[in-house]
Amino acid sequence: RGFGTDITVSGPIIDTAITAMLEELEPNLWEDNLARLPDFG
């Protein structure tokens, strides 16, 4: 289960992931630019 639920979410993991995702999504919410890093995978 990885780090244990508390560390996974409250420590830097989920917060950092959400922040990184939003940094990519916010300038391109409607996907006017179709070269998107979140398309990895």
PDB file of all heavy atoms in Angstrom:
ATOM      1  N   ARG A   1       0.828  -1.213   0.000  1.00  0.00           N
ATOM      2  CA  ARG A   1       0.000   0.000   0.000  1.00  0.00           C
ATOM      3  C   ARG A   1       0.857   1.255   0.000  1.00  0.00           C
ATOM      4  O   ARG A   1       0.391   2.349   0.305  1.00  0.00           O
ATOM      5  CB  ARG A   1      -0.949  -0.001   1.194  1.00  0.00           C
ATOM      6  CG  ARG A   1      -2.051  -1.036   1.054  1.00  0.00           C
ATOM      7  CD  ARG A   1      -3.100  -0.885   2.132  1.00  0.00           C
ATOM      8  NE  ARG A   1      -3.845   0.352   1.985  1.00  0.00           N
ATOM      9  CZ  ARG A   1      -4.879   0.513   1.167  1.00  0.00           C
ATOM     10  NH1 ARG A   1      -5.278  -0.493   0.401  1.00  0.00           N
ATOM     11  NH2 ARG A   1      -5.509   1.651   1.110  1.00  0.00           N
ATOM     12  N   GLY A   2       2.127   1.072  -0.332  1.00  0.00           N
ATOM     13  CA  GLY A   2       2.985   2.235  -0.494  1.00  0.00           C
ATOM     14  C   GLY A   2       3.438   2.794   0.823  1.00  0.00           C
ATOM     15  O   GLY A   2       4.060   2.119   1.624  1.00  0.00           O
ATOM     16  N   PHE A   3       3.088   4.050   1.072  1.00  0.00           N
ATOM     17  CA  PHE A   3       3.623   4.763   2.216  1.00  0.00           C
ATOM     18  C   PHE A   3       2.682   4.687   3.415  1.00  0.00           C
ATOM     19  O   PHE A   3       2.952   5.265   4.450  1.00  0.00           O
ATOM     20  CB  PHE A   3       3.829   6.233   1.863  1.00  0.00           C
ATOM     21  CG  PHE A   3       4.142   6.474   0.426  1.00  0.00           C
ATOM     22  CD1 PHE A   3       3.132   6.724  -0.489  1.00  0.00           C
ATOM     23  CD2 PHE A   3       5.447   6.430  -0.027  1.00  0.00           C
ATOM     24  CE1 PHE A   3       3.429   6.942  -1.818  1.00  0.00           C
ATOM     25  CE2 PHE A   3       5.738   6.648  -1.361  1.00  0.00           C
ATOM     26  CZ  PHE A   3       4.729   6.904  -2.253  1.00  0.00           C
ATOM     27  N   GLY A   4       1.530   4.040   3.271  1.00  0.00           N
ATOM     28  CA  GLY A   4       0.491   4.182   4.279  1.00  0.00           C
ATOM     29  C   GLY A   4      -0.373   5.357   3.870  1.00  0.00           C
ATOM     30  O   GLY A   4       0.109   6.362   3.365  1.00  0.00           O
ATOM     31  N   THR A   5      -1.673   5.268   4.087  1.00  0.00           N
ATOM     32  CA  THR A   5      -2.615   6.249   3.554  1.00  0.00           C
ATOM     33  C   THR A   5      -2.272   7.677   3.969  1.00  0.00           C
ATOM     34  O   THR A   5      -2.257   8.583   3.159  1.00  0.00           O
ATOM     35  CB  THR A   5      -4.046   5.912   4.027  1.00  0.00           C
ATOM     36  OG1 THR A   5      -4.380   4.625   3.544  1.00  0.00           O
ATOM     37  CG2 THR A   5      -5.045   6.909   3.496  1.00  0.00           C
ATOM     38  N   ASP A   6      -1.955   7.907   5.239  1.00  0.00           N
ATOM     39  CA  ASP A   6      -1.751   9.278   5.694  1.00  0.00           C
ATOM     40  C   ASP A   6      -0.593   9.951   4.976  1.00  0.00           C
ATOM     41  O   ASP A   6      -0.695  11.077   4.517  1.00  0.00           O
ATOM     42  CB  ASP A   6      -1.509   9.298   7.205  1.00  0.00           C
ATOM     43  CG  ASP A   6      -2.778   8.972   7.981  1.00  0.00           C
ATOM     44  OD1 ASP A   6      -3.852   9.097   7.378  1.00  0.00           O
ATOM     45  OD2 ASP A   6      -2.674   8.588   9.156  1.00  0.00           O
ATOM     46  N   ILE A   7       0.544   9.249   4.870  1.00  0.00           N
ATOM     47  CA  ILE A   7       1.708   9.857   4.235  1.00  0.00           C
ATOM     48  C   ILE A   7       1.449  10.057   2.747  1.00  0.00           C
ATOM     49  O   ILE A   7       1.777  11.083   2.173  1.00  0.00           O
ATOM     50  CB  ILE A   7       2.966   8.993   4.459  1.00  0.00           C
ATOM     51  CG1 ILE A   7       3.262   8.883   5.955  1.00  0.00           C
ATOM     52  CG2 ILE A   7       4.163   9.581   3.734  1.00  0.00           C
ATOM     53  CD1 ILE A   7       4.406   7.940   6.286  1.00  0.00           C
ATOM     54  N   THR A   8       0.816   9.063   2.109  1.00  0.00           N
ATOM     55  CA  THR A   8       0.561   9.163   0.671  1.00  0.00           C
ATOM     56  C   THR A   8      -0.168  10.452   0.333  1.00  0.00           C
ATOM     57  O   THR A   8       0.170  11.152  -0.604  1.00  0.00           O
ATOM     58  CB  THR A   8      -0.296   7.978   0.203  1.00  0.00           C
ATOM     59  OG1 THR A   8       0.395   6.783   0.484  1.00  0.00           O
ATOM     60  CG2 THR A   8      -0.560   8.052  -1.276  1.00  0.00           C
ATOM     61  N   VAL A   9      -1.178  10.773   1.134  1.00  0.00           N
ATOM     62  CA  VAL A   9      -2.061  11.843   0.724  1.00  0.00           C
ATOM     63  C   VAL A   9      -1.706  13.174   1.341  1.00  0.00           C
ATOM     64  O   VAL A   9      -1.682  14.176   0.669  1.00  0.00           O
ATOM     65  CB  VAL A   9      -3.516  11.495   1.057  1.00  0.00           C
ATOM     66  CG1 VAL A   9      -4.456  12.470   0.397  1.00  0.00           C
ATOM     67  CG2 VAL A   9      -3.834  10.085   0.632  1.00  0.00           C
ATOM     68  N   SER A  10      -1.414  13.202   2.620  1.00  0.00           N
ATOM     69  CA  SER A  10      -1.257  14.486   3.268  1.00  0.00           C
ATOM     70  C   SER A  10       0.156  15.027   3.159  1.00  0.00           C
ATOM     71  O   SER A  10       0.359  16.218   3.183  1.00  0.00           O
ATOM     72  CB  SER A  10      -1.631  14.390   4.749  1.00  0.00           C
ATOM     73  OG  SER A  10      -0.733  13.530   5.407  1.00  0.00           O
ATOM     74  N   GLY A  11       1.107  14.170   3.040  1.00  0.00           N
ATOM     75  CA  GLY A  11       2.463  14.607   2.903  1.00  0.00           C
ATOM     76  C   GLY A  11       2.675  15.160   1.520  1.00  0.00           C
ATOM     77  O   GLY A  11       1.863  15.722   0.941  1.00  0.00           O
ATOM     78  N   PRO A  12       3.706  15.003   0.829  1.00  0.00           N
ATOM     79  CA  PRO A  12       3.721  15.817  -0.370  1.00  0.00           C
ATOM     80  C   PRO A  12       3.138  15.140  -1.583  1.00  0.00           C
ATOM     81  O   PRO A  12       2.991  15.794  -2.599  1.00  0.00           O
ATOM     82  CB  PRO A  12       5.183  16.103  -0.551  1.00  0.00           C
ATOM     83  CG  PRO A  12       5.913  15.118   0.291  1.00  0.00           C
ATOM     84  CD  PRO A  12       4.950  14.387   1.137  1.00  0.00           C
ATOM     85  N   ILE A  13       2.795  13.843  -1.533  1.00  0.00           N
ATOM     86  CA  ILE A  13       2.560  13.075  -2.762  1.00  0.00           C
ATOM     87  C   ILE A  13       1.337  13.564  -3.536  1.00  0.00           C
ATOM     88  O   ILE A  13       1.449  14.033  -4.672  1.00  0.00           O
ATOM     89  CB  ILE A  13       2.435  11.571  -2.448  1.00  0.00           C
ATOM     90  CG1 ILE A  13       3.663  11.055  -1.713  1.00  0.00           C
ATOM     91  CG2 ILE A  13       2.188  10.790  -3.738  1.00  0.00           C
ATOM     92  CD1 ILE A  13       4.961  11.200  -2.467  1.00  0.00           C
ATOM     93  N   ILE A  14       0.156  13.465  -2.937  1.00  0.00           N
ATOM     94  CA  ILE A  14      -1.036  13.853  -3.697  1.00  0.00           C
ATOM     95  C   ILE A  14      -1.086  15.348  -3.912  1.00  0.00           C
ATOM     96  O   ILE A  14      -1.451  15.818  -5.005  1.00  0.00           O
ATOM     97  CB  ILE A  14      -2.313  13.334  -3.019  1.00  0.00           C
ATOM     98  CG1 ILE A  14      -2.485  11.862  -3.338  1.00  0.00           C
ATOM     99  CG2 ILE A  14      -3.543  14.110  -3.462  1.00  0.00           C
ATOM    100  CD1 ILE A  14      -3.764  11.248  -2.870  1.00  0.00           C
ATOM    101  N   ASP A  15      -0.740  16.127  -2.913  1.00  0.00           N
ATOM    102  CA  ASP A  15      -0.756  17.582  -3.089  1.00  0.00           C
ATOM    103  C   ASP A  15       0.145  18.002  -4.246  1.00  0.00           C
ATOM    104  O   ASP A  15      -0.227  18.833  -5.084  1.00  0.00           O
ATOM    105  CB  ASP A  15      -0.280  18.272  -1.812  1.00  0.00           C
ATOM    106  CG  ASP A  15      -1.301  18.209  -0.692  1.00  0.00           C
ATOM    107  OD1 ASP A  15      -2.399  17.685  -0.922  1.00  0.00           O
ATOM    108  OD2 ASP A  15      -0.990  18.682   0.417  1.00  0.00           O
ATOM    109  N   THR A  16       1.334  17.422  -4.316  1.00  0.00           N
ATOM    110  CA  THR A  16       2.272  17.770  -5.382  1.00  0.00           C
ATOM    111  C   THR A  16       1.739  17.322  -6.736  1.00  0.00           C
ATOM    112  O   THR A  16       1.867  18.042  -7.743  1.00  0.00           O
ATOM    113  CB  THR A  16       3.645  17.136  -5.117  1.00  0.00           C
ATOM    114  OG1 THR A  16       4.110  17.541  -3.836  1.00  0.00           O
ATOM    115  CG2 THR A  16       4.659  17.558  -6.167  1.00  0.00           C
ATOM    116  N   ALA A  17       1.129  16.142  -6.776  1.00  0.00           N
ATOM    117  CA  ALA A  17       0.577  15.646  -8.040  1.00  0.00           C
ATOM    118  C   ALA A  17      -0.557  16.540  -8.529  1.00  0.00           C
ATOM    119  O   ALA A  17      -0.629  16.875  -9.722  1.00  0.00           O
ATOM    120  CB  ALA A  17       0.087  14.212  -7.862  1.00  0.00           C
ATOM    121  N   ILE A  18      -1.452  16.937  -7.636  1.00  0.00           N
ATOM    122  CA  ILE A  18      -2.555  17.810  -8.035  1.00  0.00           C
ATOM    123  C   ILE A  18      -2.013  19.152  -8.525  1.00  0.00           C
ATOM    124  O   ILE A  18      -2.454  19.677  -9.554  1.00  0.00           O
ATOM    125  CB  ILE A  18      -3.534  18.010  -6.862  1.00  0.00           C
ATOM    126  CG1 ILE A  18      -4.308  16.715  -6.586  1.00  0.00           C
ATOM    127  CG2 ILE A  18      -4.514  19.150  -7.159  1.00  0.00           C
ATOM    128  CD1 ILE A  18      -5.211  16.776  -5.359  1.00  0.00           C
ATOM    129  N   THR A  19      -1.041  19.691  -7.800  1.00  0.00           N
ATOM    130  CA  THR A  19      -0.454  20.968  -8.208  1.00  0.00           C
ATOM    131  C   THR A  19       0.167  20.875  -9.597  1.00  0.00           C
ATOM    132  O   THR A  19      -0.042  21.747 -10.455  1.00  0.00           O
ATOM    133  CB  THR A  19       0.607  21.414  -7.186  1.00  0.00           C
ATOM    134  OG1 THR A  19      -0.006  21.589  -5.909  1.00  0.00           O
ATOM    135  CG2 THR A  19       1.255  22.724  -7.610  1.00  0.00           C
ATOM    136  N   ALA A  20       0.924  19.807  -9.844  1.00  0.00           N
ATOM    137  CA  ALA A  20       1.568  19.638 -11.153  1.00  0.00           C
ATOM    138  C   ALA A  20       0.530  19.487 -12.259  1.00  0.00           C
ATOM    139  O   ALA A  20       0.685  20.059 -13.350  1.00  0.00           O
ATOM    140  CB  ALA A  20       2.500  18.429 -11.120  1.00  0.00           C
ATOM    141  N   MET A  21      -0.522  18.716 -11.988  1.00  0.00           N
ATOM    142  CA  MET A  21      -1.577  18.551 -12.989  1.00  0.00           C
ATOM    143  C   MET A  21      -2.247  19.882 -13.299  1.00  0.00           C
ATOM    144  O   MET A  21      -2.470  20.228 -14.472  1.00  0.00           O
ATOM    145  CB  MET A  21      -2.616  17.544 -12.494  1.00  0.00           C
ATOM    146  CG  MET A  21      -2.219  16.094 -12.670  1.00  0.00           C
ATOM    147  SD  MET A  21      -2.145  15.598 -14.419  1.00  0.00           S
ATOM    148  CE  MET A  21      -3.875  15.753 -14.877  1.00  0.00           C
ATOM    149  N   LEU A  22      -2.570  20.646 -12.275  1.00  0.00           N
ATOM    150  CA  LEU A  22      -3.262  21.912 -12.491  1.00  0.00           C
ATOM    151  C   LEU A  22      -2.383  22.921 -13.226  1.00  0.00           C
ATOM    152  O   LEU A  22      -2.883  23.719 -14.033  1.00  0.00           O
ATOM    153  CB  LEU A  22      -3.728  22.493 -11.156  1.00  0.00           C
ATOM    154  CG  LEU A  22      -4.870  21.734 -10.477  1.00  0.00           C
ATOM    155  CD1 LEU A  22      -5.151  22.306  -9.096  1.00  0.00           C
ATOM    156  CD2 LEU A  22      -6.133  21.764 -11.332  1.00  0.00           C
ATOM    157  N   GLU A  23      -1.081  22.885 -12.979  1.00  0.00           N
ATOM    158  CA  GLU A  23      -0.179  23.778 -13.710  1.00  0.00           C
ATOM    159  C   GLU A  23      -0.217  23.506 -15.208  1.00  0.00           C
ATOM    160  O   GLU A  23      -0.059  24.426 -16.026  1.00  0.00           O
ATOM    161  CB  GLU A  23       1.252  23.623 -13.184  1.00  0.00           C
ATOM    162  CG  GLU A  23       1.467  24.255 -11.811  1.00  0.00           C
ATOM    163  CD  GLU A  23       2.842  23.974 -11.259  1.00  0.00           C
ATOM    164  OE1 GLU A  23       3.606  23.186 -11.888  1.00  0.00           O
ATOM    165  OE2 GLU A  23       3.175  24.518 -10.192  1.00  0.00           O
ATOM    166  N   GLU A  24      -0.417  22.252 -15.588  1.00  0.00           N
ATOM    167  CA  GLU A  24      -0.518  21.904 -17.004  1.00  0.00           C
ATOM    168  C   GLU A  24      -1.910  22.173 -17.566  1.00  0.00           C
ATOM    169  O   GLU A  24      -2.056  22.592 -18.721  1.00  0.00           O
ATOM    170  CB  GLU A  24      -0.158  20.433 -17.211  1.00  0.00           C
ATOM    171  CG  GLU A  24       1.316  20.136 -17.047  1.00  0.00           C
ATOM    172  CD  GLU A  24       2.161  20.899 -18.045  1.00  0.00           C
ATOM    173  OE1 GLU A  24       1.815  20.900 -19.241  1.00  0.00           O
ATOM    174  OE2 GLU A  24       3.161  21.514 -17.632  1.00  0.00           O
ATOM    175  N   LEU A  25      -2.938  21.927 -16.749  1.00  0.00           N
ATOM    176  CA  LEU A  25      -4.302  22.027 -17.250  1.00  0.00           C
ATOM    177  C   LEU A  25      -4.797  23.470 -17.349  1.00  0.00           C
ATOM    178  O   LEU A  25      -5.466  23.846 -18.322  1.00  0.00           O
ATOM    179  CB  LEU A  25      -5.254  21.240 -16.344  1.00  0.00           C
ATOM    180  CG  LEU A  25      -5.055  19.719 -16.291  1.00  0.00           C
ATOM    181  CD1 LEU A  25      -6.032  19.096 -15.300  1.00  0.00           C
ATOM    182  CD2 LEU A  25      -5.224  19.090 -17.661  1.00  0.00           C
ATOM    183  N   GLU A  26      -4.491  24.285 -16.347  1.00  0.00           N
ATOM    184  CA  GLU A  26      -5.102  25.619 -16.278  1.00  0.00           C
ATOM    185  C   GLU A  26      -4.857  26.482 -17.513  1.00  0.00           C
ATOM    186  O   GLU A  26      -5.794  27.126 -18.011  1.00  0.00           O
ATOM    187  CB  GLU A  26      -4.635  26.343 -15.010  1.00  0.00           C
ATOM    188  CG  GLU A  26      -5.338  27.680 -14.809  1.00  0.00           C
ATOM    189  CD  GLU A  26      -4.929  28.361 -13.513  1.00  0.00           C
ATOM    190  OE1 GLU A  26      -3.900  27.967 -12.922  1.00  0.00           O
ATOM    191  OE2 GLU A  26      -5.632  29.298 -13.086  1.00  0.00           O
ATOM    192  N   PRO A  27      -3.644  26.530 -18.078  1.00  0.00           N
ATOM    193  CA  PRO A  27      -3.451  27.378 -19.260  1.00  0.00           C
ATOM    194  C   PRO A  27      -4.090  26.806 -20.524  1.00  0.00           C
ATOM    195  O   PRO A  27      -4.110  27.498 -21.554  1.00  0.00           O
ATOM    196  CB  PRO A  27      -1.919  27.427 -19.413  1.00  0.00           C
ATOM    197  CG  PRO A  27      -1.359  26.848 -18.164  1.00  0.00           C
ATOM    198  CD  PRO A  27      -2.382  25.904 -17.647  1.00  0.00           C
ATOM    199  N   ASN A  28      -4.591  25.593 -20.468  1.00  0.00           N
ATOM    200  CA  ASN A  28      -5.056  24.911 -21.684  1.00  0.00           C
ATOM    201  C   ASN A  28      -6.315  24.086 -21.381  1.00  0.00           C
ATOM    202  O   ASN A  28      -6.447  22.950 -21.831  1.00  0.00           O
ATOM    203  CB  ASN A  28      -3.924  24.002 -22.203  1.00  0.00           C
ATOM    204  CG  ASN A  28      -4.160  23.487 -23.606  1.00  0.00           C
ATOM    205  OD1 ASN A  28      -4.834  24.119 -24.423  1.00  0.00           O
ATOM    206  ND2 ASN A  28      -3.630  22.312 -23.896  1.00  0.00           N
ATOM    207  N   LEU A  29      -7.243  24.688 -20.640  1.00  0.00           N
ATOM    208  CA  LEU A  29      -8.399  23.938 -20.167  1.00  0.00           C
ATOM    209  C   LEU A  29      -9.215  23.343 -21.308  1.00  0.00           C
ATOM    210  O   LEU A  29      -9.757  22.246 -21.191  1.00  0.00           O
ATOM    211  CB  LEU A  29      -9.306  24.830 -19.306  1.00  0.00           C
ATOM    212  CG  LEU A  29      -8.961  24.980 -17.827  1.00  0.00           C
ATOM    213  CD1 LEU A  29      -9.978  25.876 -17.144  1.00  0.00           C
ATOM    214  CD2 LEU A  29      -8.908  23.617 -17.137  1.00  0.00           C
ATOM    215  N   TRP A  30      -9.341  24.079 -22.409  1.00  0.00           N
ATOM    216  CA  TRP A  30     -10.148  23.610 -23.528  1.00  0.00           C
ATOM    217  C   TRP A  30      -9.306  22.893 -24.585  1.00  0.00           C
ATOM    218  O   TRP A  30      -9.784  22.632 -25.675  1.00  0.00           O
ATOM    219  CB  TRP A  30     -10.903  24.782 -24.155  1.00  0.00           C
ATOM    220  CG  TRP A  30     -11.970  25.307 -23.237  1.00  0.00           C
ATOM    221  CD1 TRP A  30     -13.273  24.881 -23.133  1.00  0.00           C
ATOM    222  CD2 TRP A  30     -11.817  26.356 -22.286  1.00  0.00           C
ATOM    223  NE1 TRP A  30     -13.918  25.602 -22.169  1.00  0.00           N
ATOM    224  CE2 TRP A  30     -13.065  26.510 -21.624  1.00  0.00           C
ATOM    225  CE3 TRP A  30     -10.759  27.174 -21.911  1.00  0.00           C
ATOM    226  CZ2 TRP A  30     -13.273  27.461 -20.617  1.00  0.00           C
ATOM    227  CZ3 TRP A  30     -10.958  28.108 -20.903  1.00  0.00           C
ATOM    228  CH2 TRP A  30     -12.205  28.249 -20.275  1.00  0.00           C
ATOM    229  N   GLU A  31      -8.067  22.607 -24.265  1.00  0.00           N
ATOM    230  CA  GLU A  31      -7.173  21.850 -25.137  1.00  0.00           C
ATOM    231  C   GLU A  31      -7.051  22.479 -26.523  1.00  0.00           C
ATOM    232  O   GLU A  31      -7.057  21.797 -27.547  1.00  0.00           O
ATOM    233  CB  GLU A  31      -7.633  20.384 -25.234  1.00  0.00           C
ATOM    234  CG  GLU A  31      -7.626  19.694 -23.871  1.00  0.00           C
ATOM    235  CD  GLU A  31      -8.012  18.220 -23.930  1.00  0.00           C
ATOM    236  OE1 GLU A  31      -8.269  17.720 -25.035  1.00  0.00           O
ATOM    237  OE2 GLU A  31      -8.054  17.594 -22.868  1.00  0.00           O
ATOM    238  N   ASP A  32      -6.923  23.794 -26.547  1.00  0.00           N
ATOM    239  CA  ASP A  32      -6.642  24.465 -27.819  1.00  0.00           C
ATOM    240  C   ASP A  32      -5.293  24.000 -28.373  1.00  0.00           C
ATOM    241  O   ASP A  32      -5.114  23.879 -29.577  1.00  0.00           O
ATOM    242  CB  ASP A  32      -6.633  25.983 -27.617  1.00  0.00           C
ATOM    243  CG  ASP A  32      -7.992  26.510 -27.178  1.00  0.00           C
ATOM    244  OD1 ASP A  32      -8.998  26.114 -27.798  1.00  0.00           O
ATOM    245  OD2 ASP A  32      -8.045  27.284 -26.213  1.00  0.00           O
ATOM    246  N   ASN A  33      -4.363  23.768 -27.478  1.00  0.00           N
ATOM    247  CA  ASN A  33      -3.065  23.201 -27.849  1.00  0.00           C
ATOM    248  C   ASN A  33      -3.132  21.694 -27.609  1.00  0.00           C
ATOM    249  O   ASN A  33      -3.271  21.241 -26.472  1.00  0.00           O
ATOM    250  CB  ASN A  33      -1.953  23.832 -27.007  1.00  0.00           C
ATOM    251  CG  ASN A  33      -0.575  23.294 -27.366  1.00  0.00           C
ATOM    252  OD1 ASN A  33      -0.423  22.452 -28.257  1.00  0.00           O
ATOM    253  ND2 ASN A  33       0.438  23.769 -26.670  1.00  0.00           N
ATOM    254  N   LEU A  34      -3.011  20.914 -28.668  1.00  0.00           N
ATOM    255  CA  LEU A  34      -3.155  19.464 -28.561  1.00  0.00           C
ATOM    256  C   LEU A  34      -1.836  18.748 -28.292  1.00  0.00           C
ATOM    257  O   LEU A  34      -1.811  17.517 -28.268  1.00  0.00           O
ATOM    258  CB  LEU A  34      -3.804  18.914 -29.837  1.00  0.00           C
ATOM    259  CG  LEU A  34      -5.259  19.354 -30.056  1.00  0.00           C
ATOM    260  CD1 LEU A  34      -5.790  18.837 -31.388  1.00  0.00           C
ATOM    261  CD2 LEU A  34      -6.144  18.891 -28.912  1.00  0.00           C
ATOM    262  N   ALA A  35      -0.772  19.499 -28.082  1.00  0.00           N
ATOM    263  CA  ALA A  35       0.482  18.906 -27.593  1.00  0.00           C
ATOM    264  C   ALA A  35       0.479  19.078 -26.078  1.00  0.00           C
ATOM    265  O   ALA A  35       0.821  20.142 -25.553  1.00  0.00           O
ATOM    266  CB  ALA A  35       1.689  19.588 -28.231  1.00  0.00           C
ATOM    267  N   ARG A  36       0.077  18.043 -25.369  1.00  0.00           N
ATOM    268  CA  ARG A  36      -0.190  18.132 -23.931  1.00  0.00           C
ATOM    269  C   ARG A  36       0.654  17.115 -23.160  1.00  0.00           C
ATOM    270  O   ARG A  36       0.591  15.913 -23.452  1.00  0.00           O
ATOM    271  CB  ARG A  36      -1.670  17.865 -23.644  1.00  0.00           C
ATOM    272  CG  ARG A  36      -2.634  18.751 -24.399  1.00  0.00           C
ATOM    273  CD  ARG A  36      -4.082  18.289 -24.215  1.00  0.00           C
ATOM    274  NE  ARG A  36      -4.517  18.379 -22.837  1.00  0.00           N
ATOM    275  CZ  ARG A  36      -4.781  17.327 -22.065  1.00  0.00           C
ATOM    276  NH1 ARG A  36      -4.651  16.089 -22.546  1.00  0.00           N
ATOM    277  NH2 ARG A  36      -5.173  17.484 -20.806  1.00  0.00           N
ATOM    278  N   LEU A  37       1.385  17.556 -22.173  1.00  0.00           N
ATOM    279  CA  LEU A  37       2.142  16.626 -21.340  1.00  0.00           C
ATOM    280  C   LEU A  37       1.236  15.640 -20.587  1.00  0.00           C
ATOM    281  O   LEU A  37       1.622  14.475 -20.409  1.00  0.00           O
ATOM    282  CB  LEU A  37       3.018  17.389 -20.343  1.00  0.00           C
ATOM    283  CG  LEU A  37       4.240  18.106 -20.936  1.00  0.00           C
ATOM    284  CD1 LEU A  37       4.995  18.855 -19.844  1.00  0.00           C
ATOM    285  CD2 LEU A  37       5.167  17.130 -21.650  1.00  0.00           C
ATOM    286  N   PRO A  38       0.030  16.049 -20.130  1.00  0.00           N
ATOM    287  CA  PRO A  38      -0.831  15.067 -19.461  1.00  0.00           C
ATOM    288  C   PRO A  38      -1.295  13.929 -20.368  1.00  0.00           C
ATOM    289  O   PRO A  38      -1.886  12.962 -19.872  1.00  0.00           O
ATOM    290  CB  PRO A  38      -2.026  15.914 -18.981  1.00  0.00           C
ATOM    291  CG  PRO A  38      -1.476  17.279 -18.807  1.00  0.00           C
ATOM    292  CD  PRO A  38      -0.480  17.430 -19.939  1.00  0.00           C
ATOM    293  N   ASP A  39      -1.040  14.020 -21.670  1.00  0.00           N
ATOM    294  CA  ASP A  39      -1.362  12.907 -22.568  1.00  0.00           C
ATOM    295  C   ASP A  39      -0.335  11.782 -22.491  1.00  0.00           C
ATOM    296  O   ASP A  39      -0.507  10.743 -23.142  1.00  0.00           O
ATOM    297  CB  ASP A  39      -1.483  13.388 -24.019  1.00  0.00           C
ATOM    298  CG  ASP A  39      -2.834  14.020 -24.303  1.00  0.00           C
ATOM    299  OD1 ASP A  39      -3.782  13.770 -23.546  1.00  0.00           O
ATOM    300  OD2 ASP A  39      -2.939  14.778 -25.294  1.00  0.00           O
ATOM    301  N   PHE A  40       0.738  11.976 -21.734  1.00  0.00           N
ATOM    302  CA  PHE A  40       1.701  10.902 -21.534  1.00  0.00           C
ATOM    303  C   PHE A  40       0.974   9.693 -20.938  1.00  0.00           C
ATOM    304  O   PHE A  40       0.241   9.801 -19.965  1.00  0.00           O
ATOM    305  CB  PHE A  40       2.799  11.369 -20.579  1.00  0.00           C
ATOM    306  CG  PHE A  40       3.937  10.396 -20.401  1.00  0.00           C
ATOM    307  CD1 PHE A  40       4.660   9.934 -21.489  1.00  0.00           C
ATOM    308  CD2 PHE A  40       4.305   9.960 -19.136  1.00  0.00           C
ATOM    309  CE1 PHE A  40       5.721   9.056 -21.334  1.00  0.00           C
ATOM    310  CE2 PHE A  40       5.365   9.093 -18.959  1.00  0.00           C
ATOM    311  CZ  PHE A  40       6.074   8.630 -20.064  1.00  0.00           C
ATOM    312  N   GLY A  41       1.164   8.539 -21.572  1.00  0.00           N
ATOM    313  CA  GLY A  41       0.462   7.347 -21.098  1.00  0.00           C
ATOM    314  C   GLY A  41      -0.950   7.208 -21.616  1.00  0.00           C
ATOM    315  O   GLY A  41      -1.659   6.259 -21.240  1.00  0.00           O
TER     316      GLY A  41
END
